[in-house]
Protein backbone atom coordinates (compact mmCIF):
# COMPACT_ATOMS: atom_id res chain seq x y z
CA UNK A 1 79.71 110.98 95.61
CA UNK A 2 76.02 110.15 95.92
CA UNK A 3 74.02 110.51 98.98
CA UNK A 4 73.71 106.73 99.78
CA UNK A 5 77.47 106.37 99.15
CA UNK A 6 78.27 109.05 101.54
CA UNK A 7 75.98 107.62 104.15
CA UNK A 8 77.49 104.13 103.98
CA UNK A 9 81.16 105.53 104.02
CA UNK A 10 80.41 107.65 107.10
CA UNK A 11 78.64 104.93 108.93
CA UNK A 12 81.31 102.46 108.06
CA UNK A 13 84.12 104.54 109.04
CA UNK A 14 82.45 105.24 112.40
CA UNK A 15 82.04 101.51 113.21
CA UNK A 16 85.58 100.88 111.98
CA UNK A 17 87.11 103.53 114.34
CA UNK A 18 85.23 102.28 117.24
CA UNK A 19 86.08 98.65 116.80
CA UNK A 20 89.71 99.55 115.87
CA UNK A 21 90.29 101.59 118.99
CA UNK A 22 88.62 99.00 121.16
CA UNK A 23 90.69 96.12 119.81
CA UNK A 24 94.02 98.18 119.91
CA UNK A 25 93.45 99.19 123.54
CA UNK A 26 92.50 95.59 124.52
CA UNK A 27 95.82 94.36 123.00
CA UNK A 28 97.71 97.06 124.75
CA UNK A 29 95.91 96.32 128.04
CA UNK A 30 96.66 92.67 127.94
CA UNK A 31 100.18 93.17 127.02
CA UNK A 32 100.85 95.62 129.92
CA UNK A 33 99.26 93.22 132.40
CA UNK A 34 101.35 90.21 131.06
CA UNK A 35 104.68 92.18 131.12
CA UNK A 36 103.98 94.30 134.29
CA UNK A 37 107.16 93.14 136.07
CA UNK A 38 109.31 93.66 133.05
CA UNK A 39 108.42 97.23 132.34
CA UNK A 40 110.78 100.21 132.77
CA UNK A 41 110.45 101.95 136.22
CA UNK A 42 110.38 105.37 134.43
CA UNK A 43 106.82 106.52 133.67
CA UNK A 44 107.88 108.22 130.45
CA UNK A 45 109.31 105.06 129.22
CA UNK A 46 106.28 103.08 130.27
CA UNK A 47 104.12 105.47 128.21
CA UNK A 48 106.51 105.02 125.28
CA UNK A 49 106.32 101.41 125.67
CA UNK A 50 102.39 101.48 125.51
CA UNK A 51 102.53 103.79 122.46
CA UNK A 52 104.91 101.48 120.61
CA UNK A 53 102.83 98.46 121.64
CA UNK A 54 99.70 100.18 120.31
CA UNK A 55 101.46 100.80 116.97
CA UNK A 56 102.56 97.20 116.93
CA UNK A 57 98.92 96.17 117.60
CA UNK A 58 97.85 97.87 114.35
CA UNK A 59 99.28 95.03 112.36
CA UNK A 60 96.95 92.64 113.88
CA UNK A 61 93.85 94.47 114.64
CA UNK A 62 93.62 96.82 111.57
CA UNK A 63 92.67 94.04 109.06
CA UNK A 64 90.15 92.43 111.50
CA UNK A 65 88.66 96.00 112.18
CA UNK A 66 88.14 96.60 108.46
CA UNK A 67 86.04 93.34 108.06
CA UNK A 68 84.32 93.59 111.39
CA UNK A 69 83.41 97.11 110.53
CA UNK A 70 81.62 95.97 107.38
CA UNK A 71 79.83 93.29 109.25
CA UNK A 72 78.44 95.73 112.06
CA UNK A 73 77.55 98.30 109.27
CA UNK A 74 75.70 95.82 107.03
CA UNK A 75 73.64 93.98 109.76
CA UNK A 76 72.93 97.40 111.39
CA UNK A 77 71.38 98.57 108.06
CA UNK A 78 69.38 95.09 107.88
CA UNK A 79 68.14 95.65 111.44
CA UNK A 80 66.99 99.19 110.76
CA UNK A 81 65.55 98.21 107.35
CA UNK A 82 67.76 100.92 105.63
CA UNK A 83 69.34 98.13 103.39
CA UNK A 84 66.11 96.84 101.95
CA UNK A 85 64.89 100.55 101.41
CA UNK A 86 67.97 101.14 99.35
CA UNK A 87 67.26 97.93 97.35
CA UNK A 88 63.61 98.99 96.82
CA UNK A 89 65.09 102.42 95.48
CA UNK A 90 66.69 100.56 92.58
CA UNK A 91 70.14 100.71 94.05
CA UNK A 92 71.93 97.48 92.97
CA UNK A 93 74.27 95.33 95.31
CA UNK A 94 77.30 96.25 93.27
CA UNK A 95 76.71 99.85 93.84
CA UNK A 96 76.19 99.23 97.61
CA UNK A 97 79.50 97.20 97.86
CA UNK A 98 81.66 99.84 96.12
CA UNK A 99 81.71 102.24 99.06
CA UNK A 100 82.71 99.45 101.48
CA UNK A 101 85.36 98.18 99.13
CA UNK A 102 86.89 101.42 98.14
CA UNK A 103 86.91 102.76 101.72
CA UNK A 104 88.64 99.69 103.08
CA UNK A 105 91.18 99.55 100.26
CA UNK A 106 92.13 103.15 101.04
CA UNK A 107 92.55 102.33 104.75
CA UNK A 108 94.62 99.20 103.78
CA UNK A 109 96.86 101.24 101.31
CA UNK A 110 97.60 103.88 104.02
CA UNK A 111 98.57 101.05 106.40
CA UNK A 112 100.85 99.57 103.77
CA UNK A 113 102.44 103.03 103.21
CA UNK A 114 103.06 103.25 106.99
CA UNK A 115 105.05 100.16 106.83
CA UNK A 116 107.55 101.95 104.54
CA UNK A 117 108.43 104.28 107.46
CA UNK A 118 109.90 103.72 111.05
CA UNK A 119 106.41 102.55 112.06
CA UNK A 120 107.48 99.16 111.01
CA UNK A 121 110.01 99.10 113.86
CA UNK A 122 107.50 99.56 116.77
CA UNK A 123 107.72 96.04 118.03
CA UNK A 124 111.56 96.36 118.17
CA UNK A 125 111.34 99.60 119.94
CA UNK A 126 109.07 98.28 122.58
CA UNK A 127 111.22 95.20 123.05
CA UNK A 128 114.24 97.23 123.60
CA UNK A 129 112.38 99.51 126.06
CA UNK A 130 111.38 96.35 128.07
CA UNK A 131 114.83 94.78 127.96
CA UNK A 132 117.31 97.61 127.91
CA UNK A 133 115.26 100.75 128.98
CA UNK A 134 116.07 102.50 125.81
CA UNK A 135 114.78 102.63 122.26
CA UNK A 136 117.85 101.48 120.37
CA UNK A 137 119.76 98.27 120.92
CA UNK A 138 123.33 98.03 119.90
CA UNK A 139 124.63 95.03 118.15
CA UNK A 140 128.15 94.02 119.10
CA UNK A 141 130.94 91.96 117.33
CA UNK A 142 129.55 91.91 113.76
CA UNK A 143 131.72 90.38 111.20
CA UNK A 144 130.22 90.84 107.61
CA UNK A 145 131.27 90.45 104.03
CA UNK A 146 130.62 93.38 101.52
CA UNK A 147 131.94 92.71 98.06
CA UNK A 148 135.57 92.05 98.41
CA UNK A 149 135.74 93.47 101.80
CA UNK A 150 135.44 91.80 105.37
CA UNK A 151 134.15 94.10 107.81
CA UNK A 152 134.30 93.97 111.66
CA UNK A 153 132.17 96.23 113.93
CA UNK A 154 132.94 96.19 117.63
CA UNK A 155 129.34 97.83 118.14
CA UNK A 156 126.66 99.05 115.85
CA UNK A 157 123.71 101.22 116.77
CA UNK A 158 121.22 101.09 113.76
CA UNK A 159 118.93 103.52 115.31
CA UNK A 160 121.57 106.32 115.51
CA UNK A 161 123.44 104.99 112.31
CA UNK A 162 126.58 104.79 114.09
CA UNK A 163 129.38 102.19 114.34
CA UNK A 164 132.42 102.03 116.73
CA UNK A 165 135.70 100.35 116.46
CA UNK A 166 135.49 99.44 112.73
CA UNK A 167 138.09 97.44 110.92
CA UNK A 168 137.68 96.73 107.06
CA UNK A 169 139.92 94.09 105.45
CA UNK A 170 140.06 94.73 101.70
CA UNK A 171 141.08 91.84 99.45
CA UNK A 172 141.41 91.26 95.80
CA UNK A 173 139.56 87.89 96.04
CA UNK A 174 142.92 86.12 96.60
CA UNK A 175 144.92 87.82 99.20
CA UNK A 176 144.65 90.70 101.61
CA UNK A 177 145.55 94.20 100.04
CA UNK A 178 144.95 96.61 103.01
CA UNK A 179 143.43 97.06 106.38
CA UNK A 180 141.38 100.14 107.34
CA UNK A 181 140.81 100.81 111.01
CA UNK A 182 138.63 103.60 112.38
CA UNK A 183 137.41 104.77 115.84
CA UNK A 184 133.94 105.32 114.70
CA UNK A 185 131.80 105.59 111.49
CA UNK A 186 128.53 107.33 110.56
CA UNK A 187 126.12 106.44 107.77
CA UNK A 188 125.68 109.68 105.65
CA UNK A 189 124.18 109.96 102.35
CA UNK A 190 124.37 106.31 101.36
CA UNK A 191 127.94 105.87 102.50
CA UNK A 192 129.82 105.06 105.67
CA UNK A 193 132.07 108.02 106.82
CA UNK A 194 134.98 106.61 108.67
CA UNK A 195 136.66 108.93 111.32
CA UNK A 196 140.16 108.88 112.43
CA UNK A 197 141.27 106.18 109.98
CA UNK A 198 144.60 104.24 110.04
CA UNK A 199 145.21 102.44 106.78
CA UNK A 200 147.78 99.74 106.58
CA UNK A 201 148.93 98.78 102.96
CA UNK A 202 150.18 95.23 102.62
CA UNK A 203 153.26 95.31 100.36
CA UNK A 204 153.90 93.00 97.41
CA UNK A 205 157.46 92.08 98.01
CA UNK A 206 159.28 90.53 95.20
CA UNK A 207 162.85 91.75 96.00
CA UNK A 208 164.71 93.19 98.93
CA UNK A 209 164.50 96.68 97.41
CA UNK A 210 160.71 96.70 97.30
CA UNK A 211 158.84 99.06 99.70
CA UNK A 212 157.61 97.30 102.87
CA UNK A 213 154.37 98.13 104.89
CA UNK A 214 152.96 101.67 104.37
CA UNK A 215 150.77 103.19 106.98
CA UNK A 216 148.65 106.43 106.36
CA UNK A 217 146.24 108.17 108.37
CA UNK A 218 143.07 110.27 107.33
CA UNK A 219 140.55 112.19 109.36
CA UNK A 220 137.67 111.02 107.31
CA UNK A 221 137.23 108.45 104.61
CA UNK A 222 134.13 107.29 102.62
CA UNK A 223 133.47 103.60 102.23
CA UNK A 224 130.83 100.73 101.90
CA UNK A 225 128.34 102.31 99.62
CA UNK A 226 124.77 101.08 100.07
CA UNK A 227 125.58 99.09 103.05
CA UNK A 228 122.94 100.42 105.43
CA UNK A 229 122.82 99.92 109.14
CA UNK A 230 119.49 98.08 108.98
CA UNK A 231 121.00 95.81 106.48
CA UNK A 232 123.79 94.89 108.70
CA UNK A 233 121.49 94.49 111.79
CA UNK A 234 119.29 92.05 109.91
CA UNK A 235 122.19 89.79 109.51
CA UNK A 236 122.98 89.85 113.24
CA UNK A 237 119.30 89.59 114.45
CA UNK A 238 117.57 86.15 114.46
CA UNK A 239 114.26 87.84 114.53
CA UNK A 240 113.91 91.14 112.88
CA UNK A 241 111.38 93.30 111.12
CA UNK A 242 112.21 95.56 108.17
CA UNK A 243 110.42 98.42 106.74
CA UNK A 244 109.46 98.18 103.15
CA UNK A 245 112.12 100.53 101.88
CA UNK A 246 114.83 98.82 103.98
CA UNK A 247 113.56 95.31 102.94
CA UNK A 248 113.90 96.12 99.36
CA UNK A 249 117.37 97.58 99.81
CA UNK A 250 118.36 94.43 101.75
CA UNK A 251 116.84 92.23 99.10
CA UNK A 252 118.74 93.86 96.34
CA UNK A 253 122.05 93.89 98.33
CA UNK A 254 121.96 90.20 99.64
CA UNK A 255 121.05 88.93 96.12
CA UNK A 256 124.20 90.35 94.76
CA UNK A 257 126.13 88.84 97.63
CA UNK A 258 124.73 85.36 96.95
CA UNK A 259 122.85 85.23 100.36
CA UNK A 260 119.54 83.40 100.97
CA UNK A 261 116.85 86.09 100.87
CA UNK A 262 113.78 83.93 101.71
CA UNK A 263 113.09 85.52 105.06
CA UNK A 264 113.33 89.09 103.65
CA UNK A 265 111.16 88.23 100.71
CA UNK A 266 108.62 86.79 103.19
CA UNK A 267 108.63 89.95 105.37
CA UNK A 268 108.07 92.14 102.22
CA UNK A 269 105.24 89.98 101.00
CA UNK A 270 103.64 90.00 104.27
CA UNK A 271 103.74 93.92 104.45
CA UNK A 272 102.67 94.47 100.85
CA UNK A 273 100.21 91.79 100.19
CA UNK A 274 98.89 90.17 103.38
CA UNK A 275 96.80 93.29 104.35
CA UNK A 276 94.84 93.09 101.14
CA UNK A 277 92.92 90.25 102.31
CA UNK A 278 90.71 92.51 104.36
CA UNK A 279 89.17 94.52 101.23
CA UNK A 280 88.86 91.27 99.42
CA UNK A 281 87.17 89.44 102.24
CA UNK A 282 84.78 92.49 102.66
CA UNK A 283 83.57 92.06 99.10
CA UNK A 284 83.24 88.21 99.41
CA UNK A 285 81.28 88.41 102.72
CA UNK A 286 79.02 91.31 101.68
CA UNK A 287 77.79 89.14 98.80
CA UNK A 288 77.16 86.22 100.95
CA UNK A 289 75.29 88.25 103.62
CA UNK A 290 71.54 88.16 103.72
CA UNK A 291 69.51 91.07 102.41
CA UNK A 292 66.82 91.11 105.22
CA UNK A 293 66.61 89.75 108.70
CA UNK A 294 63.18 88.18 108.40
CA UNK A 295 64.42 84.69 107.35
CA UNK A 296 67.72 84.71 109.31
CA UNK A 297 69.06 85.01 112.89
CA UNK A 298 70.86 88.22 112.69
CA UNK A 299 72.92 87.61 115.81
CA UNK A 300 73.91 83.93 114.77
CA UNK A 301 74.81 85.01 111.16
CA UNK A 302 76.78 88.06 112.04
CA UNK A 303 78.67 85.83 114.75
CA UNK A 304 79.27 83.23 111.86
CA UNK A 305 80.73 85.97 109.77
CA UNK A 306 83.06 87.18 112.50
CA UNK A 307 84.14 83.59 113.15
CA UNK A 308 84.91 83.09 109.49
CA UNK A 309 87.06 86.14 109.45
CA UNK A 310 88.99 85.02 112.36
CA UNK A 311 89.54 81.68 110.97
CA UNK A 312 90.68 83.01 107.62
CA UNK A 313 92.98 85.61 109.20
CA UNK A 314 94.55 82.98 111.55
CA UNK A 315 95.19 80.65 108.65
CA UNK A 316 96.78 83.20 106.43
CA UNK A 317 98.80 84.40 109.49
CA UNK A 318 100.03 80.77 110.03
CA UNK A 319 101.06 80.34 106.40
CA UNK A 320 102.98 83.74 106.65
CA UNK A 321 104.86 82.51 109.75
CA UNK A 322 105.68 79.33 107.92
CA UNK A 323 106.90 81.36 104.91
CA UNK A 324 109.13 83.46 107.24
CA UNK A 325 110.65 80.41 108.87
CA UNK A 326 111.43 78.99 105.43
CA UNK A 327 109.14 75.95 105.77
CA UNK A 328 107.32 77.03 102.43
CA UNK A 329 108.14 79.53 99.93
CA UNK A 330 106.59 82.93 100.34
CA UNK A 331 105.11 82.95 96.82
CA UNK A 332 103.01 79.98 97.95
CA UNK A 333 102.40 80.79 101.70
CA UNK A 334 101.49 84.52 101.28
CA UNK A 335 101.10 85.68 97.78
CA UNK A 336 99.07 82.75 96.26
CA UNK A 337 96.31 82.79 98.93
CA UNK A 338 95.78 86.61 98.56
CA UNK A 339 95.57 86.25 94.90
CA UNK A 340 92.99 83.42 95.17
CA UNK A 341 90.96 85.39 97.48
CA UNK A 342 91.04 88.37 95.11
CA UNK A 343 89.87 86.25 92.33
CA UNK A 344 87.08 84.88 94.50
CA UNK A 345 85.99 88.36 95.48
CA UNK A 346 86.14 89.42 91.77
CA UNK A 347 84.11 86.30 90.84
CA UNK A 348 81.24 86.92 93.26
CA UNK A 349 81.23 90.66 92.38
CA UNK A 350 80.81 90.01 88.80
CA UNK A 351 77.86 87.52 89.21
CA UNK A 352 74.44 88.88 88.67
């Protein structure tokens, strides 16, 4: 890495961290003041709630911090005459934008990778703490279909990956074959392990000599492969966030079951592609920014850039919400605007 690139990256990261921490703390502070009466009484739970809300705030403030960090860094270099000195040293505009773009891209990819972990459920955990004074929220009375089985859960705890009072009605697409009842079940190694199982086999009676109902018991029984707790819970919840890994599993599973997957697809597109608007916007705004402050009002121009960023972010966010609600397809509401912004950034970067 050349000297000017190292300087730009360090200066950009410093401004990004300051803006990111400030926006994140502001979000958490406003939320705590707004929900003060609904917070748990325990100080430990209050700290956990603030932590989860801080993690949830990353979804909103990180892309903005990436763009605002570039704006502050760029106009700071203009004000101190560092930028014009770099141009005078025969450093091209393309060479100057690359450190900004690559740094913002790395930050964005790290954020996308975080959404493949339990980090994606921060909002759900904070909501459970506020409503139930605990991180996990059990879903009750679930009745689901899995292949040729109809499954009933009296209570499901997706956080602990446990289910209680489970009944499985197995059919051959025409009639009932057997009923399996278990006191509890645990999701282990991509299977549900039923405990204390009672299996009732329905007889096929053709004559009086045929065997009647057969009941057998087992201590454990493996069933329902690839039917993850998060997949079941997303059916039960009206508003639910999935990590990238769980979202892909849910997408594959529900497509085989013939269920509408538009909302799951919109969630995945939002987590995978929406954050990329920040690096693309960094390239676009940099090439539209002035080189020196002699002929421009620095404060007014930087404020205009910040306003443009907020307007674009809010517009893209609105389209993502419309896609999540099924008003427009996610390919048009989320993917297409990001692709167009990427081509616009590539176009301005390739210009002389």
